[in-house]
N, C-alpha and C. Protein backbone atom coordinates (compact mmCIF):
# COMPACT_ATOMS: atom_id res chain seq x y z
N MET A 1 -5.84 19.85 18.89
CA MET A 1 -5.79 18.48 19.36
C MET A 1 -5.74 17.52 18.19
N ILE A 2 -6.50 17.79 17.11
CA ILE A 2 -6.46 16.93 15.95
C ILE A 2 -5.11 17.04 15.26
N LEU A 3 -4.55 18.25 15.24
CA LEU A 3 -3.26 18.44 14.61
C LEU A 3 -2.19 17.62 15.30
N SER A 4 -2.22 17.52 16.61
CA SER A 4 -1.21 16.73 17.32
C SER A 4 -1.38 15.24 17.01
N ALA A 5 -2.62 14.78 16.79
CA ALA A 5 -2.84 13.38 16.43
C ALA A 5 -2.25 13.11 15.04
N TYR A 6 -2.42 14.03 14.11
CA TYR A 6 -1.83 13.86 12.80
C TYR A 6 -0.31 13.92 12.86
N ALA A 7 0.23 14.72 13.77
CA ALA A 7 1.67 14.79 13.91
C ALA A 7 2.21 13.44 14.38
N VAL A 8 1.52 12.78 15.28
CA VAL A 8 1.96 11.46 15.74
C VAL A 8 1.88 10.45 14.60
N VAL A 9 0.81 10.49 13.82
CA VAL A 9 0.68 9.57 12.69
C VAL A 9 1.78 9.84 11.67
N GLY A 10 2.06 11.09 11.39
CA GLY A 10 3.13 11.44 10.47
C GLY A 10 4.49 10.98 10.96
N LEU A 11 4.73 11.14 12.25
CA LEU A 11 6.01 10.72 12.82
C LEU A 11 6.18 9.20 12.74
N VAL A 12 5.12 8.47 13.04
CA VAL A 12 5.19 7.02 12.95
C VAL A 12 5.39 6.58 11.50
N THR A 13 4.74 7.25 10.57
CA THR A 13 4.91 6.93 9.16
C THR A 13 6.34 7.16 8.72
N LEU A 14 6.91 8.29 9.11
CA LEU A 14 8.31 8.56 8.77
C LEU A 14 9.24 7.53 9.41
N LEU A 15 8.94 7.12 10.61
CA LEU A 15 9.76 6.12 11.29
C LEU A 15 9.70 4.78 10.55
N VAL A 16 8.51 4.38 10.14
CA VAL A 16 8.36 3.12 9.42
C VAL A 16 9.11 3.16 8.09
N PHE A 17 8.95 4.24 7.34
CA PHE A 17 9.66 4.34 6.06
C PHE A 17 11.17 4.40 6.27
N GLY A 18 11.61 5.08 7.31
CA GLY A 18 13.04 5.12 7.62
C GLY A 18 13.59 3.75 7.96
N LEU A 19 12.87 3.00 8.76
CA LEU A 19 13.32 1.65 9.10
C LEU A 19 13.31 0.74 7.87
N ALA A 20 12.32 0.91 7.01
CA ALA A 20 12.28 0.11 5.78
C ALA A 20 13.48 0.43 4.89
N LEU A 21 13.83 1.70 4.78
CA LEU A 21 15.00 2.07 4.00
C LEU A 21 16.28 1.53 4.61
N LEU A 22 16.37 1.53 5.94
CA LEU A 22 17.54 0.94 6.59
C LEU A 22 17.64 -0.56 6.33
N LEU A 23 16.52 -1.25 6.39
CA LEU A 23 16.54 -2.68 6.11
C LEU A 23 16.97 -2.96 4.67
N ILE A 24 16.52 -2.15 3.74
CA ILE A 24 16.92 -2.32 2.35
C ILE A 24 18.41 -2.04 2.20
N ALA A 25 18.91 -1.02 2.89
CA ALA A 25 20.32 -0.65 2.78
C ALA A 25 21.24 -1.69 3.39
N PHE A 26 20.81 -2.33 4.47
CA PHE A 26 21.68 -3.27 5.17
C PHE A 26 21.40 -4.73 4.85
N ARG A 27 20.58 -4.99 3.86
CA ARG A 27 20.31 -6.40 3.55
C ARG A 27 21.57 -7.03 2.99
N HIS A 28 21.64 -8.31 3.16
CA HIS A 28 22.83 -9.05 2.76
C HIS A 28 22.89 -9.11 1.24
N PRO A 29 23.93 -8.52 0.59
CA PRO A 29 23.96 -8.49 -0.86
C PRO A 29 24.26 -9.86 -1.48
N GLY A 30 24.89 -10.75 -0.75
CA GLY A 30 25.25 -12.06 -1.29
C GLY A 30 24.24 -13.12 -0.93
N ALA A 31 22.99 -12.75 -0.77
CA ALA A 31 21.97 -13.72 -0.40
C ALA A 31 21.77 -14.73 -1.52
N GLU A 32 21.59 -15.96 -1.14
CA GLU A 32 21.45 -17.05 -2.10
C GLU A 32 20.06 -17.00 -2.74
N GLN A 33 20.01 -17.04 -4.05
CA GLN A 33 18.75 -17.05 -4.77
C GLN A 33 18.32 -18.49 -5.01
N LEU A 34 17.07 -18.78 -4.74
CA LEU A 34 16.55 -20.11 -4.96
C LEU A 34 16.19 -20.29 -6.43
N GLU A 35 16.52 -21.44 -6.96
CA GLU A 35 16.19 -21.75 -8.34
C GLU A 35 14.80 -22.34 -8.43
N THR A 36 14.05 -21.93 -9.42
CA THR A 36 12.72 -22.48 -9.65
C THR A 36 12.86 -23.80 -10.41
N PRO A 37 12.19 -24.84 -9.95
CA PRO A 37 12.26 -26.10 -10.70
C PRO A 37 11.75 -25.92 -12.13
N ALA A 38 12.28 -26.70 -13.05
CA ALA A 38 11.94 -26.56 -14.47
C ALA A 38 10.45 -26.74 -14.73
N ALA A 39 9.79 -27.59 -13.95
CA ALA A 39 8.36 -27.84 -14.17
C ALA A 39 7.51 -26.63 -13.82
N TRP A 40 8.02 -25.74 -12.95
CA TRP A 40 7.25 -24.58 -12.52
C TRP A 40 7.57 -23.31 -13.29
N LYS A 41 8.57 -23.34 -14.17
CA LYS A 41 8.99 -22.12 -14.88
C LYS A 41 7.91 -21.49 -15.74
N PRO A 42 7.00 -22.25 -16.40
CA PRO A 42 5.98 -21.58 -17.22
C PRO A 42 4.95 -20.80 -16.41
N TYR A 43 4.87 -21.05 -15.13
CA TYR A 43 3.85 -20.40 -14.31
C TYR A 43 4.45 -19.17 -13.62
N HIS A 44 3.68 -18.10 -13.62
CA HIS A 44 4.12 -16.87 -12.97
C HIS A 44 3.21 -16.61 -11.79
N PHE A 45 3.76 -16.66 -10.59
CA PHE A 45 2.96 -16.44 -9.39
C PHE A 45 3.25 -15.04 -8.88
N GLY A 46 2.24 -14.22 -8.88
CA GLY A 46 2.39 -12.85 -8.42
C GLY A 46 1.45 -12.55 -7.27
N TYR A 47 1.46 -13.39 -6.26
CA TYR A 47 0.53 -13.21 -5.14
C TYR A 47 0.65 -11.84 -4.49
N PRO A 48 1.86 -11.35 -4.19
CA PRO A 48 1.92 -10.02 -3.56
C PRO A 48 1.31 -8.92 -4.41
N VAL A 49 1.48 -9.01 -5.71
CA VAL A 49 0.91 -7.99 -6.60
C VAL A 49 -0.62 -8.06 -6.57
N TYR A 50 -1.17 -9.27 -6.62
CA TYR A 50 -2.62 -9.41 -6.59
C TYR A 50 -3.19 -8.99 -5.23
N ALA A 51 -2.44 -9.23 -4.18
CA ALA A 51 -2.89 -8.80 -2.85
C ALA A 51 -2.95 -7.27 -2.78
N LEU A 52 -1.94 -6.59 -3.35
CA LEU A 52 -1.96 -5.13 -3.38
C LEU A 52 -3.14 -4.60 -4.19
N ILE A 53 -3.41 -5.24 -5.31
CA ILE A 53 -4.54 -4.80 -6.13
C ILE A 53 -5.85 -4.99 -5.38
N PHE A 54 -5.99 -6.13 -4.70
CA PHE A 54 -7.20 -6.38 -3.93
C PHE A 54 -7.39 -5.32 -2.85
N LEU A 55 -6.33 -5.06 -2.10
CA LEU A 55 -6.43 -4.07 -1.03
C LEU A 55 -6.74 -2.68 -1.59
N SER A 56 -6.12 -2.36 -2.71
CA SER A 56 -6.29 -1.02 -3.26
C SER A 56 -7.70 -0.77 -3.78
N PHE A 57 -8.30 -1.77 -4.39
CA PHE A 57 -9.62 -1.56 -4.99
C PHE A 57 -10.76 -1.97 -4.07
N ASP A 58 -10.68 -3.16 -3.50
CA ASP A 58 -11.80 -3.68 -2.73
C ASP A 58 -11.93 -2.99 -1.37
N MET A 59 -10.85 -2.87 -0.64
CA MET A 59 -10.91 -2.26 0.68
C MET A 59 -11.23 -0.77 0.59
N GLU A 60 -10.85 -0.17 -0.50
CA GLU A 60 -11.18 1.25 -0.70
C GLU A 60 -12.69 1.44 -0.70
N MET A 61 -13.39 0.58 -1.39
CA MET A 61 -14.85 0.70 -1.46
C MET A 61 -15.51 0.37 -0.12
N ILE A 62 -14.96 -0.57 0.61
CA ILE A 62 -15.54 -0.93 1.91
C ILE A 62 -15.51 0.26 2.86
N PHE A 63 -14.45 1.05 2.81
CA PHE A 63 -14.35 2.19 3.72
C PHE A 63 -14.98 3.46 3.17
N MET A 64 -15.19 3.54 1.87
CA MET A 64 -15.76 4.75 1.30
C MET A 64 -17.28 4.84 1.45
N TYR A 65 -17.98 3.71 1.49
CA TYR A 65 -19.44 3.76 1.63
C TYR A 65 -19.87 4.37 2.96
N PRO A 66 -19.35 3.91 4.10
CA PRO A 66 -19.77 4.57 5.36
C PRO A 66 -19.29 6.02 5.43
N TRP A 67 -18.13 6.29 4.86
CA TRP A 67 -17.62 7.65 4.85
C TRP A 67 -18.56 8.58 4.10
N ALA A 68 -19.09 8.11 2.98
CA ALA A 68 -19.99 8.94 2.17
C ALA A 68 -21.28 9.27 2.92
N VAL A 69 -21.70 8.38 3.82
CA VAL A 69 -22.93 8.61 4.57
C VAL A 69 -22.75 9.74 5.58
N VAL A 70 -21.60 9.79 6.24
CA VAL A 70 -21.38 10.79 7.31
C VAL A 70 -20.55 11.98 6.85
N PHE A 71 -20.22 12.05 5.56
CA PHE A 71 -19.35 13.11 5.07
C PHE A 71 -19.91 14.50 5.34
N ALA A 72 -21.19 14.70 5.10
CA ALA A 72 -21.80 16.02 5.28
C ALA A 72 -21.75 16.48 6.74
N ASP A 73 -21.85 15.54 7.67
CA ASP A 73 -21.83 15.90 9.08
C ASP A 73 -20.42 16.24 9.58
N LEU A 74 -19.40 15.57 9.02
CA LEU A 74 -18.04 15.76 9.53
C LEU A 74 -17.28 16.87 8.83
N GLY A 75 -17.59 17.16 7.58
CA GLY A 75 -17.00 18.28 6.88
C GLY A 75 -15.58 18.07 6.42
N LEU A 76 -14.75 19.10 6.62
CA LEU A 76 -13.39 19.12 6.10
C LEU A 76 -12.52 18.03 6.72
N THR A 77 -12.74 17.72 7.98
CA THR A 77 -11.95 16.67 8.63
C THR A 77 -12.15 15.33 7.93
N ALA A 78 -13.38 15.01 7.58
CA ALA A 78 -13.66 13.76 6.88
C ALA A 78 -13.03 13.77 5.49
N PHE A 79 -13.06 14.91 4.83
CA PHE A 79 -12.45 15.01 3.50
C PHE A 79 -10.95 14.78 3.57
N LEU A 80 -10.27 15.39 4.53
CA LEU A 80 -8.83 15.23 4.65
C LEU A 80 -8.46 13.80 5.04
N ASP A 81 -9.24 13.19 5.90
CA ASP A 81 -8.99 11.80 6.28
C ASP A 81 -9.10 10.88 5.06
N MET A 82 -10.12 11.07 4.25
CA MET A 82 -10.29 10.23 3.07
C MET A 82 -9.22 10.53 2.03
N PHE A 83 -8.77 11.77 1.94
CA PHE A 83 -7.71 12.11 1.01
C PHE A 83 -6.42 11.37 1.36
N VAL A 84 -6.07 11.33 2.63
CA VAL A 84 -4.87 10.60 3.07
C VAL A 84 -5.03 9.11 2.79
N PHE A 85 -6.21 8.56 3.09
CA PHE A 85 -6.47 7.14 2.86
C PHE A 85 -6.34 6.80 1.37
N LEU A 86 -6.91 7.63 0.51
CA LEU A 86 -6.82 7.37 -0.93
C LEU A 86 -5.41 7.56 -1.46
N ALA A 87 -4.65 8.48 -0.88
CA ALA A 87 -3.26 8.67 -1.30
C ALA A 87 -2.42 7.43 -0.98
N ILE A 88 -2.64 6.83 0.18
CA ILE A 88 -1.92 5.61 0.53
C ILE A 88 -2.30 4.47 -0.41
N LEU A 89 -3.59 4.33 -0.69
CA LEU A 89 -4.02 3.28 -1.60
C LEU A 89 -3.54 3.53 -3.03
N ALA A 90 -3.48 4.78 -3.44
CA ALA A 90 -2.98 5.10 -4.77
C ALA A 90 -1.50 4.72 -4.87
N GLY A 91 -0.76 4.88 -3.78
CA GLY A 91 0.63 4.44 -3.77
C GLY A 91 0.74 2.93 -3.98
N GLY A 92 -0.18 2.18 -3.40
CA GLY A 92 -0.20 0.74 -3.61
C GLY A 92 -0.51 0.37 -5.04
N ILE A 93 -1.44 1.10 -5.66
CA ILE A 93 -1.77 0.84 -7.06
C ILE A 93 -0.59 1.16 -7.97
N VAL A 94 0.08 2.26 -7.71
CA VAL A 94 1.24 2.63 -8.53
C VAL A 94 2.35 1.59 -8.36
N TYR A 95 2.56 1.12 -7.16
CA TYR A 95 3.58 0.10 -6.92
C TYR A 95 3.23 -1.20 -7.65
N ALA A 96 1.96 -1.62 -7.60
CA ALA A 96 1.54 -2.83 -8.30
C ALA A 96 1.67 -2.64 -9.81
N TRP A 97 1.39 -1.44 -10.28
CA TRP A 97 1.50 -1.15 -11.70
C TRP A 97 2.95 -1.26 -12.17
N THR A 98 3.88 -0.72 -11.36
CA THR A 98 5.29 -0.79 -11.73
C THR A 98 5.82 -2.22 -11.67
N MET A 99 5.22 -3.07 -10.85
CA MET A 99 5.63 -4.47 -10.79
C MET A 99 5.02 -5.30 -11.92
N GLY A 100 4.14 -4.71 -12.71
CA GLY A 100 3.52 -5.40 -13.82
C GLY A 100 2.25 -6.14 -13.45
N GLY A 101 1.65 -5.81 -12.35
CA GLY A 101 0.46 -6.51 -11.90
C GLY A 101 -0.79 -6.16 -12.66
N LEU A 102 -0.79 -5.07 -13.39
CA LEU A 102 -1.97 -4.65 -14.14
C LEU A 102 -1.85 -4.95 -15.63
N GLU A 103 -0.86 -5.76 -16.02
CA GLU A 103 -0.67 -6.11 -17.41
C GLU A 103 -1.18 -7.51 -17.68
N TRP A 104 -1.85 -7.69 -18.81
CA TRP A 104 -2.32 -9.01 -19.20
C TRP A 104 -1.18 -9.78 -19.84
N GLU A 105 -1.18 -11.08 -19.60
CA GLU A 105 -0.13 -11.91 -20.21
C GLU A 105 -0.63 -12.58 -21.46
């Protein structure tokens, strides 16, 4: 029964990534780029990168504390659930790292 629940989660994940790839493939290549006004050019706003870093580090700790309390009672299922959760968050950290969000200016 648990395996079928993971199969549904895996299928939905594959569907989401597939749709995201389709959106990237079919986006309009001639989209107009907005110019930044000269007064704002010295400032670098990386809100999406900082949001990813916040989610990756802060939310990870919020969910790991209760998990650590009940880990011994749940066993392998709890370990696998946390492994998947940390893998998703690690993907967010790697993505933020590649965007330059972890570099000092």
